[in-house]
C-alpha atoms as a PDB file:
ATOM      1  CA  UNK A   1      60.031 107.485-275.096  1.00  0.00           C
ATOM      2  CA  UNK A   2      60.677 104.030-274.970  1.00  0.00           C
ATOM      3  CA  UNK A   3      60.705 101.670-272.115  1.00  0.00           C
ATOM      4  CA  UNK A   4      63.104  98.496-272.214  1.00  0.00           C
ATOM      5  CA  UNK A   5      62.696  95.676-270.222  1.00  0.00           C
ATOM      6  CA  UNK A   6      65.625  92.758-270.499  1.00  0.00           C
ATOM      7  CA  UNK A   7      65.374  89.095-269.804  1.00  0.00           C
ATOM      8  CA  UNK A   8      67.017  86.054-270.586  1.00  0.00           C
ATOM      9  CA  UNK A   9      69.918  86.214-268.068  1.00  0.00           C
ATOM     10  CA  UNK A  10      70.888  82.863-266.098  1.00  0.00           C
ATOM     11  CA  UNK A  11      73.703  80.994-264.667  1.00  0.00           C
ATOM     12  CA  UNK A  12      75.327  78.772-267.305  1.00  0.00           C
ATOM     13  CA  UNK A  13      78.840  77.050-267.410  1.00  0.00           C
ATOM     14  CA  UNK A  14      81.900  78.118-269.373  1.00  0.00           C
ATOM     15  CA  UNK A  15      81.553  77.460-273.331  1.00  0.00           C
ATOM     16  CA  UNK A  16      77.874  77.984-272.951  1.00  0.00           C
ATOM     17  CA  UNK A  17      75.231  79.946-274.550  1.00  0.00           C
ATOM     18  CA  UNK A  18      72.689  82.388-273.464  1.00  0.00           C
ATOM     19  CA  UNK A  19      70.200  84.500-275.543  1.00  0.00           C
ATOM     20  CA  UNK A  20      69.423  88.075-274.043  1.00  0.00           C
ATOM     21  CA  UNK A  21      66.181  89.824-274.895  1.00  0.00           C
ATOM     22  CA  UNK A  22      65.304  93.706-274.734  1.00  0.00           C
ATOM     23  CA  UNK A  23      61.416  94.127-275.118  1.00  0.00           C
ATOM     24  CA  UNK A  24      60.798  97.933-276.075  1.00  0.00           C
ATOM     25  CA  UNK A  25      57.174  99.723-275.481  1.00  0.00           C
ATOM     26  CA  UNK A  26      56.039 102.723-276.189  1.00  0.00           C
ATOM     27  CA  UNK A  27      57.723 103.326-279.251  1.00  0.00           C
ATOM     28  CA  UNK A  28      59.457 101.499-282.208  1.00  0.00           C
ATOM     29  CA  UNK A  29      62.898 100.419-281.798  1.00  0.00           C
ATOM     30  CA  UNK A  30      62.973 101.377-285.677  1.00  0.00           C
ATOM     31  CA  UNK A  31      63.672 105.181-284.483  1.00  0.00           C
ATOM     32  CA  UNK A  32      66.555 104.235-282.393  1.00  0.00           C
ATOM     33  CA  UNK A  33      70.129 103.404-281.879  1.00  0.00           C
ATOM     34  CA  UNK A  34      69.754 100.705-279.408  1.00  0.00           C
ATOM     35  CA  UNK A  35      72.800  98.749-277.545  1.00  0.00           C
ATOM     36  CA  UNK A  36      73.828  96.391-275.140  1.00  0.00           C
ATOM     37  CA  UNK A  37      76.017  97.252-272.244  1.00  0.00           C
ATOM     38  CA  UNK A  38      77.031  95.268-268.862  1.00  0.00           C
ATOM     39  CA  UNK A  39      78.273  96.125-265.501  1.00  0.00           C
ATOM     40  CA  UNK A  40      80.606  93.591-263.505  1.00  0.00           C
ATOM     41  CA  UNK A  41      80.394  94.198-259.488  1.00  0.00           C
ATOM     42  CA  UNK A  42      83.175  96.931-258.905  1.00  0.00           C
ATOM     43  CA  UNK A  43      83.662  97.979-262.504  1.00  0.00           C
ATOM     44  CA  UNK A  44      82.223 100.659-264.432  1.00  0.00           C
ATOM     45  CA  UNK A  45      79.525 100.177-267.045  1.00  0.00           C
ATOM     46  CA  UNK A  46      80.870  99.016-270.693  1.00  0.00           C
ATOM     47  CA  UNK A  47      79.699  98.767-274.072  1.00  0.00           C
ATOM     48  CA  UNK A  48      79.026  95.226-275.387  1.00  0.00           C
ATOM     49  CA  UNK A  49      77.444  95.925-279.115  1.00  0.00           C
ATOM     50  CA  UNK A  50      75.103  98.222-280.768  1.00  0.00           C
ATOM     51  CA  UNK A  51      73.231  98.320-283.874  1.00  0.00           C
ATOM     52  CA  UNK A  52      70.592 100.483-285.853  1.00  0.00           C
ATOM     53  CA  UNK A  53      68.534  99.250-288.366  1.00  0.00           C
ATOM     54  CA  UNK A  54      70.567  97.038-290.989  1.00  0.00           C
ATOM     55  CA  UNK A  55      73.944  98.923-290.502  1.00  0.00           C
ATOM     56  CA  UNK A  56      76.815  96.770-289.693  1.00  0.00           C
ATOM     57  CA  UNK A  57      76.526  96.062-285.825  1.00  0.00           C
ATOM     58  CA  UNK A  58      79.187  97.202-283.607  1.00  0.00           C
ATOM     59  CA  UNK A  59      81.029  95.146-280.812  1.00  0.00           C
ATOM     60  CA  UNK A  60      83.604  95.282-278.010  1.00  0.00           C
ATOM     61  CA  UNK A  61      87.155  93.713-278.762  1.00  0.00           C
ATOM     62  CA  UNK A  62      86.232  91.177-275.911  1.00  0.00           C
ATOM     63  CA  UNK A  63      82.960  89.689-277.137  1.00  0.00           C
ATOM     64  CA  UNK A  64      83.745  90.017-281.104  1.00  0.00           C
ATOM     65  CA  UNK A  65      83.225  86.626-282.659  1.00  0.00           C
ATOM     66  CA  UNK A  66      81.202  85.280-279.730  1.00  0.00           C
ATOM     67  CA  UNK A  67      78.340  87.399-279.148  1.00  0.00           C
ATOM     68  CA  UNK A  68      76.109  88.299-282.179  1.00  0.00           C
ATOM     69  CA  UNK A  69      73.409  91.786-281.832  1.00  0.00           C
ATOM     70  CA  UNK A  70      70.252  91.657-283.592  1.00  0.00           C
ATOM     71  CA  UNK A  71      66.995  93.223-283.617  1.00  0.00           C
ATOM     72  CA  UNK A  72      63.212  92.267-284.520  1.00  0.00           C
ATOM     73  CA  UNK A  73      61.592  95.253-285.576  1.00  0.00           C
ATOM     74  CA  UNK A  74      58.254  93.683-286.124  1.00  0.00           C
ATOM     75  CA  UNK A  75      58.702  92.136-282.480  1.00  0.00           C
ATOM     76  CA  UNK A  76      60.009  95.312-281.017  1.00  0.00           C
ATOM     77  CA  UNK A  77      62.810  93.780-279.767  1.00  0.00           C
ATOM     78  CA  UNK A  78      66.530  93.729-279.700  1.00  0.00           C
ATOM     79  CA  UNK A  79      68.944  90.476-278.726  1.00  0.00           C
ATOM     80  CA  UNK A  80      72.041  89.647-278.112  1.00  0.00           C
ATOM     81  CA  UNK A  81      73.032  86.037-278.607  1.00  0.00           C
ATOM     82  CA  UNK A  82      76.135  85.292-276.333  1.00  0.00           C
ATOM     83  CA  UNK A  83      78.286  81.748-277.174  1.00  0.00           C
ATOM     84  CA  UNK A  84      81.236  80.616-275.963  1.00  0.00           C
ATOM     85  CA  UNK A  85      80.890  82.250-272.597  1.00  0.00           C
ATOM     86  CA  UNK A  86      83.441  82.975-270.167  1.00  0.00           C
ATOM     87  CA  UNK A  87      83.647  83.549-266.527  1.00  0.00           C
ATOM     88  CA  UNK A  88      84.841  87.364-267.064  1.00  0.00           C
ATOM     89  CA  UNK A  89      81.488  87.864-268.861  1.00  0.00           C
ATOM     90  CA  UNK A  90      79.376  87.751-265.666  1.00  0.00           C
ATOM     91  CA  UNK A  91      77.706  91.043-265.227  1.00  0.00           C
ATOM     92  CA  UNK A  92      74.304  92.758-265.133  1.00  0.00           C
ATOM     93  CA  UNK A  93      73.513  93.344-268.663  1.00  0.00           C
ATOM     94  CA  UNK A  94      71.531  96.545-269.887  1.00  0.00           C
ATOM     95  CA  UNK A  95      69.603  97.262-272.990  1.00  0.00           C
ATOM     96  CA  UNK A  96      69.768 100.832-273.950  1.00  0.00           C
ATOM     97  CA  UNK A  97      68.571 102.853-276.717  1.00  0.00           C
ATOM     98  CA  UNK A  98      68.969 106.774-277.655  1.00  0.00           C
ATOM     99  CA  UNK A  99      67.170 108.646-280.631  1.00  0.00           C
ATOM    100  CA  UNK A 100      69.122 108.619-283.946  1.00  0.00           C
ATOM    101  CA  UNK A 101      69.039 112.314-284.124  1.00  0.00           C
ATOM    102  CA  UNK A 102      71.222 112.087-280.697  1.00  0.00           C
ATOM    103  CA  UNK A 103      75.200 111.856-281.799  1.00  0.00           C
ATOM    104  CA  UNK A 104      77.617 110.079-280.170  1.00  0.00           C
ATOM    105  CA  UNK A 105      80.020 107.326-280.174  1.00  0.00           C
ATOM    106  CA  UNK A 106      78.334 104.182-280.369  1.00  0.00           C
ATOM    107  CA  UNK A 107      79.764 102.661-277.065  1.00  0.00           C
ATOM    108  CA  UNK A 108      79.407 106.162-275.247  1.00  0.00           C
ATOM    109  CA  UNK A 109      76.755 105.323-272.185  1.00  0.00           C
ATOM    110  CA  UNK A 110      76.422 108.878-271.631  1.00  0.00           C
ATOM    111  CA  UNK A 111      74.616 109.497-274.831  1.00  0.00           C
ATOM    112  CA  UNK A 112      71.962 106.738-274.054  1.00  0.00           C
ATOM    113  CA  UNK A 113      68.933 108.019-272.193  1.00  0.00           C
ATOM    114  CA  UNK A 114      66.713 105.162-272.078  1.00  0.00           C
ATOM    115  CA  UNK A 115      68.017 102.101-269.883  1.00  0.00           C
ATOM    116  CA  UNK A 116      66.067  98.849-269.162  1.00  0.00           C
ATOM    117  CA  UNK A 117      66.711  97.558-265.058  1.00  0.00           C
ATOM    118  CA  UNK A 118      69.141  94.648-266.507  1.00  0.00           C
ATOM    119  CA  UNK A 119      69.347  91.079-266.278  1.00  0.00           C
ATOM    120  CA  UNK A 120      71.957  88.904-264.416  1.00  0.00           C
ATOM    121  CA  UNK A 121      74.461  86.611-266.357  1.00  0.00           C
ATOM    122  CA  UNK A 122      76.728  84.522-264.457  1.00  0.00           C
ATOM    123  CA  UNK A 123      79.021  82.108-266.250  1.00  0.00           C
ATOM    124  CA  UNK A 124      80.724  79.541-263.611  1.00  0.00           C
ATOM    125  CA  UNK A 125      84.234  78.310-264.518  1.00  0.00           C
END
């Protein structure tokens, strides 16, 4: 099993940037499809970005062109670079992982068994 711990959240003004990190332990992230999700108050958890290995990343339409997902296998860490942040990006951001043998659409949260505790992102207008 893999354990995930997110960090890097905070408060930023609209137009600013943040970089989230997700440190994995217990197993190498090479064996997992990794993704970022977010959940705003009163809303469902939604997929933000996903990545496996050197595959082409997947992004939600709402963040494409502004967010970049990446991974450092040597550090066993997943990242989410968030630029041009908007107030509607405010949410609790989660890192998630699933074994590569587990199928499913990249954005289907039900297919991810491993989750971090989340890190808060607040974007002020």
